[in-house]
Amino acid sequence: MTAAIGRVRTSGIFSLDGADFEVENNVWLVGDEDEVVVIDAAHDAEPILDAVNRRRVVAIVCTHGHNDHVNAAIELADVTGATVALHPDDRMLWDLVHPGRPPDRPLAHGDVVPVAGSALAVLHTPGHSPGGVCFRLEDHGVVFSGDTLFQGGPGATGRSFSDFPTIIDSIRDELLVLPTDTIVHTGHGHSTTIGAEAPHLDEWIRRGH
């Protein structure tokens, strides 16, 4: 187990459906002293580049296409030469941010992104957005959940292209089946564990959001 996990916090505006929200994002880096994968290049490339610190960027992978998770992806890719990967079901969201510059490659359920002797396994978890994915780093007991699962419940589903029953299915079928001690590194806010969140599934369903 050679890969290590790092986090960069960046701040900016999430925009969708004509509304703007100030947000702070978690940008996750998985790698060793030679190479790294960046999960969600959010808002500002400069602090991400500082954390990369001259390592080779194997890939920039996106948990979903909302602007606050991809708006620094192209700048980061241009500087590092890395490819950007996104699930194609979120292409319409990507195009709102980067029209005319498509992602370099698609992500699909079951794909594996190797880095530093470890591997990120792609889990397609639609609901917050149609192409939402999570990345499981099995040998570390970690899953990077993007905006699918947070400390306290599912990601928001009250905006365009989102659906509450779908996100519940994704969480139940892809995340809550993971070992209970799996650490959940989220797209915003604090990390949690599968064991801390799983008992609340029925409560979230009754709450309805």
Protein backbone atom coordinates (compact mmCIF):
# COMPACT_ATOMS: atom_id res chain seq x y z
CA MET A 1 0.00 0.00 0.00
CA THR A 2 2.06 2.89 -1.31
CA ALA A 3 -0.50 5.51 -2.27
CA ALA A 4 -1.32 8.34 0.12
CA ILE A 5 -4.37 10.58 0.25
CA GLY A 6 -4.22 14.35 0.33
CA ARG A 7 -6.87 17.05 0.39
CA VAL A 8 -7.01 20.61 -0.90
CA ARG A 9 -9.90 22.90 -0.02
CA THR A 10 -10.99 25.43 -2.61
CA SER A 11 -13.86 27.93 -2.58
CA GLY A 12 -16.05 29.45 -5.24
CA ILE A 13 -19.53 29.59 -6.72
CA PHE A 14 -21.80 26.68 -7.63
CA SER A 15 -24.21 27.79 -10.37
CA LEU A 16 -27.21 25.90 -11.70
CA ASP A 17 -30.77 26.72 -12.73
CA GLY A 18 -30.06 30.46 -12.56
CA ALA A 19 -29.00 30.40 -8.91
CA ASP A 20 -25.53 30.90 -7.39
CA PHE A 21 -24.27 29.46 -4.12
CA GLU A 22 -20.98 30.01 -2.32
CA VAL A 23 -19.37 26.64 -1.63
CA GLU A 24 -16.17 25.12 -0.31
CA ASN A 25 -15.02 21.98 -2.07
CA ASN A 26 -12.74 19.11 -1.19
CA VAL A 27 -10.23 18.25 -3.90
CA TRP A 28 -8.74 14.82 -3.22
CA LEU A 29 -5.31 13.66 -4.39
CA VAL A 30 -4.27 10.00 -4.42
CA GLY A 31 -0.68 9.11 -5.19
CA ASP A 32 2.92 8.78 -4.08
CA GLU A 33 5.99 10.96 -4.48
CA ASP A 34 6.08 10.34 -8.24
CA GLU A 35 2.50 10.32 -9.51
CA VAL A 36 -0.97 11.36 -8.46
CA VAL A 37 -4.64 11.30 -9.48
CA VAL A 38 -6.69 14.43 -8.85
CA ILE A 39 -10.34 13.90 -7.94
CA ASP A 40 -12.50 16.95 -8.79
CA ALA A 41 -10.47 19.95 -9.92
CA ALA A 42 -12.61 22.56 -8.20
CA HIS A 43 -12.52 26.36 -8.56
CA ASP A 44 -8.82 27.19 -8.49
CA ALA A 45 -5.99 25.32 -10.21
CA GLU A 46 -3.17 27.05 -8.32
CA PRO A 47 -3.53 25.40 -4.89
CA ILE A 48 -4.10 22.05 -6.59
CA LEU A 49 -0.88 22.49 -8.56
CA ASP A 50 0.91 23.40 -5.33
CA ALA A 51 -0.29 20.11 -3.82
CA VAL A 52 0.68 18.16 -6.94
CA ASN A 53 4.18 19.61 -6.52
CA ARG A 54 5.75 18.53 -9.82
CA ARG A 55 4.42 14.97 -9.64
CA ARG A 56 3.06 13.40 -12.81
CA VAL A 57 -0.72 13.73 -12.86
CA VAL A 58 -1.99 10.36 -14.07
CA ALA A 59 -5.53 11.67 -14.55
CA ILE A 60 -8.02 14.29 -13.45
CA VAL A 61 -11.18 12.35 -12.64
CA CYS A 62 -14.56 13.98 -12.03
CA THR A 63 -17.19 12.68 -9.65
CA HIS A 64 -19.76 14.62 -11.68
CA GLY A 65 -20.15 17.55 -14.04
CA HIS A 66 -21.39 20.38 -11.83
CA ASN A 67 -19.35 23.51 -12.37
CA ASP A 68 -17.93 23.62 -8.84
CA HIS A 69 -16.31 20.21 -9.40
CA VAL A 70 -14.89 20.73 -12.91
CA ASN A 71 -14.24 24.45 -13.36
CA ALA A 72 -10.46 24.16 -12.85
CA ALA A 73 -10.11 20.89 -14.77
CA ILE A 74 -9.07 22.31 -18.13
CA GLU A 75 -6.49 24.70 -16.69
CA LEU A 76 -5.05 21.89 -14.58
CA ALA A 77 -4.98 19.56 -17.59
CA ASP A 78 -3.28 22.16 -19.78
CA VAL A 79 -0.55 22.76 -17.22
CA THR A 80 0.08 19.12 -16.31
CA GLY A 81 -0.69 17.35 -19.59
CA ALA A 82 -3.13 15.05 -17.78
CA THR A 83 -6.32 13.66 -19.27
CA VAL A 84 -9.74 14.58 -17.85
CA ALA A 85 -12.24 11.76 -17.33
CA LEU A 86 -16.00 12.16 -16.82
CA HIS A 87 -19.01 9.87 -17.05
CA PRO A 88 -20.72 10.70 -20.38
CA ASP A 89 -24.16 11.03 -18.77
CA ASP A 90 -22.94 14.34 -17.30
CA ARG A 91 -21.68 15.78 -20.56
CA MET A 92 -24.51 18.36 -20.70
CA LEU A 93 -23.37 19.75 -17.32
CA TRP A 94 -19.73 19.77 -18.42
CA ASP A 95 -20.65 21.67 -21.60
CA LEU A 96 -22.19 24.47 -19.53
CA VAL A 97 -18.73 25.07 -18.05
CA HIS A 98 -16.38 24.13 -20.89
CA PRO A 99 -18.28 24.51 -24.18
CA GLY A 100 -16.31 23.25 -27.15
CA ARG A 101 -13.72 21.44 -25.02
CA PRO A 102 -14.91 17.90 -24.30
CA PRO A 103 -13.46 15.66 -21.61
CA ASP A 104 -10.61 13.50 -22.83
CA ARG A 105 -12.12 10.15 -21.95
CA PRO A 106 -15.26 8.62 -20.46
CA LEU A 107 -15.67 6.93 -17.12
CA ALA A 108 -17.85 3.84 -16.77
CA HIS A 109 -18.94 1.64 -13.90
CA GLY A 110 -16.26 -0.95 -13.29
CA ASP A 111 -13.41 1.08 -14.74
CA VAL A 112 -10.15 1.11 -12.81
CA VAL A 113 -7.76 4.07 -12.57
CA PRO A 114 -4.34 2.79 -11.44
CA VAL A 115 -2.04 5.04 -9.44
CA ALA A 116 0.99 4.49 -7.21
CA GLY A 117 0.51 0.76 -6.82
CA SER A 118 -3.17 1.16 -5.94
CA ALA A 119 -6.32 1.54 -8.01
CA LEU A 120 -9.44 3.66 -7.95
CA ALA A 121 -12.50 1.62 -8.92
CA VAL A 122 -15.34 3.56 -10.57
CA LEU A 123 -18.85 3.14 -9.14
CA HIS A 124 -21.64 4.76 -11.17
CA THR A 125 -23.92 6.39 -8.60
CA PRO A 126 -26.48 8.56 -10.40
CA GLY A 127 -29.01 10.71 -8.57
CA HIS A 128 -27.30 13.97 -7.70
CA SER A 129 -26.57 14.01 -11.42
CA PRO A 130 -27.05 11.35 -14.11
CA GLY A 131 -23.33 10.71 -14.50
CA GLY A 132 -22.33 10.89 -10.87
CA VAL A 133 -19.64 8.43 -9.83
CA CYS A 134 -17.74 7.47 -6.71
CA PHE A 135 -14.18 6.16 -6.57
CA ARG A 136 -13.32 3.26 -4.28
CA LEU A 137 -9.74 2.85 -3.06
CA GLU A 138 -10.27 -0.64 -1.72
CA ASP A 139 -6.81 -1.31 -0.29
CA HIS A 140 -7.14 1.82 1.85
CA GLY A 141 -10.75 1.18 2.91
CA VAL A 142 -11.82 4.48 1.37
CA VAL A 143 -14.48 5.70 -1.04
CA PHE A 144 -14.54 9.19 -2.54
CA SER A 145 -18.25 9.98 -2.75
CA GLY A 146 -18.36 13.33 -4.53
CA ASP A 147 -21.84 14.73 -3.91
CA THR A 148 -23.57 11.34 -3.69
CA LEU A 149 -23.21 10.76 0.06
CA PHE A 150 -22.33 13.19 2.84
CA GLN A 151 -22.12 13.10 6.59
CA GLY A 152 -25.84 13.19 7.32
CA GLY A 153 -27.34 11.94 4.10
CA PRO A 154 -27.59 12.00 0.32
CA GLY A 155 -26.49 14.83 -1.91
CA ALA A 156 -29.06 17.39 -3.02
CA THR A 157 -31.60 16.35 -5.63
CA GLY A 158 -33.75 19.47 -5.95
CA ARG A 159 -32.18 20.81 -9.14
CA SER A 160 -32.13 19.95 -12.82
CA PHE A 161 -30.95 16.47 -13.83
CA SER A 162 -31.23 15.11 -10.27
CA ASP A 163 -33.59 12.55 -8.78
CA PHE A 164 -34.09 11.50 -5.16
CA PRO A 165 -35.23 7.86 -5.67
CA THR A 166 -32.25 7.34 -7.97
CA ILE A 167 -29.70 8.63 -5.47
CA ILE A 168 -31.24 6.43 -2.76
CA ASP A 169 -30.88 3.40 -5.03
CA SER A 170 -27.27 4.33 -5.76
CA ILE A 171 -26.38 4.75 -2.11
CA ARG A 172 -28.14 1.52 -1.08
CA ASP A 173 -26.81 -0.62 -3.92
CA GLU A 174 -23.26 0.70 -4.37
CA LEU A 175 -22.15 2.37 -1.13
CA LEU A 176 -23.95 0.86 1.84
CA VAL A 177 -22.83 -2.60 0.72
CA LEU A 178 -19.20 -1.61 1.39
CA PRO A 179 -17.57 -2.61 4.69
CA THR A 180 -18.89 -0.53 7.56
CA ASP A 181 -15.43 0.80 8.43
CA THR A 182 -15.02 2.25 4.92
CA ILE A 183 -14.09 5.93 5.18
CA VAL A 184 -16.21 8.23 3.01
CA HIS A 185 -14.29 11.24 1.73
CA THR A 186 -16.92 13.68 0.49
CA GLY A 187 -16.99 16.47 -2.08
CA HIS A 188 -17.86 19.05 0.57
CA GLY A 189 -17.58 19.12 4.34
CA HIS A 190 -16.39 16.43 6.71
CA SER A 191 -15.58 12.81 6.00
CA THR A 192 -17.67 10.04 7.52
CA THR A 193 -17.93 6.24 7.38
CA ILE A 194 -20.34 3.79 5.82
CA GLY A 195 -21.14 2.46 9.29
CA ALA A 196 -22.06 5.92 10.55
CA GLU A 197 -24.45 6.60 7.66
CA ALA A 198 -26.03 3.22 6.89
CA PRO A 199 -28.43 3.12 9.89
CA HIS A 200 -30.13 6.33 8.67
CA LEU A 201 -31.24 5.14 5.23
CA ASP A 202 -34.92 4.72 6.18
CA GLU A 203 -34.87 8.12 7.87
CA TRP A 204 -33.58 9.74 4.66
CA ILE A 205 -36.27 8.02 2.63
CA ARG A 206 -38.98 9.28 4.99
CA ARG A 207 -37.47 12.77 4.87
CA GLY A 208 -37.60 12.63 1.11
CA HIS A 209 -34.53 14.73 0.32
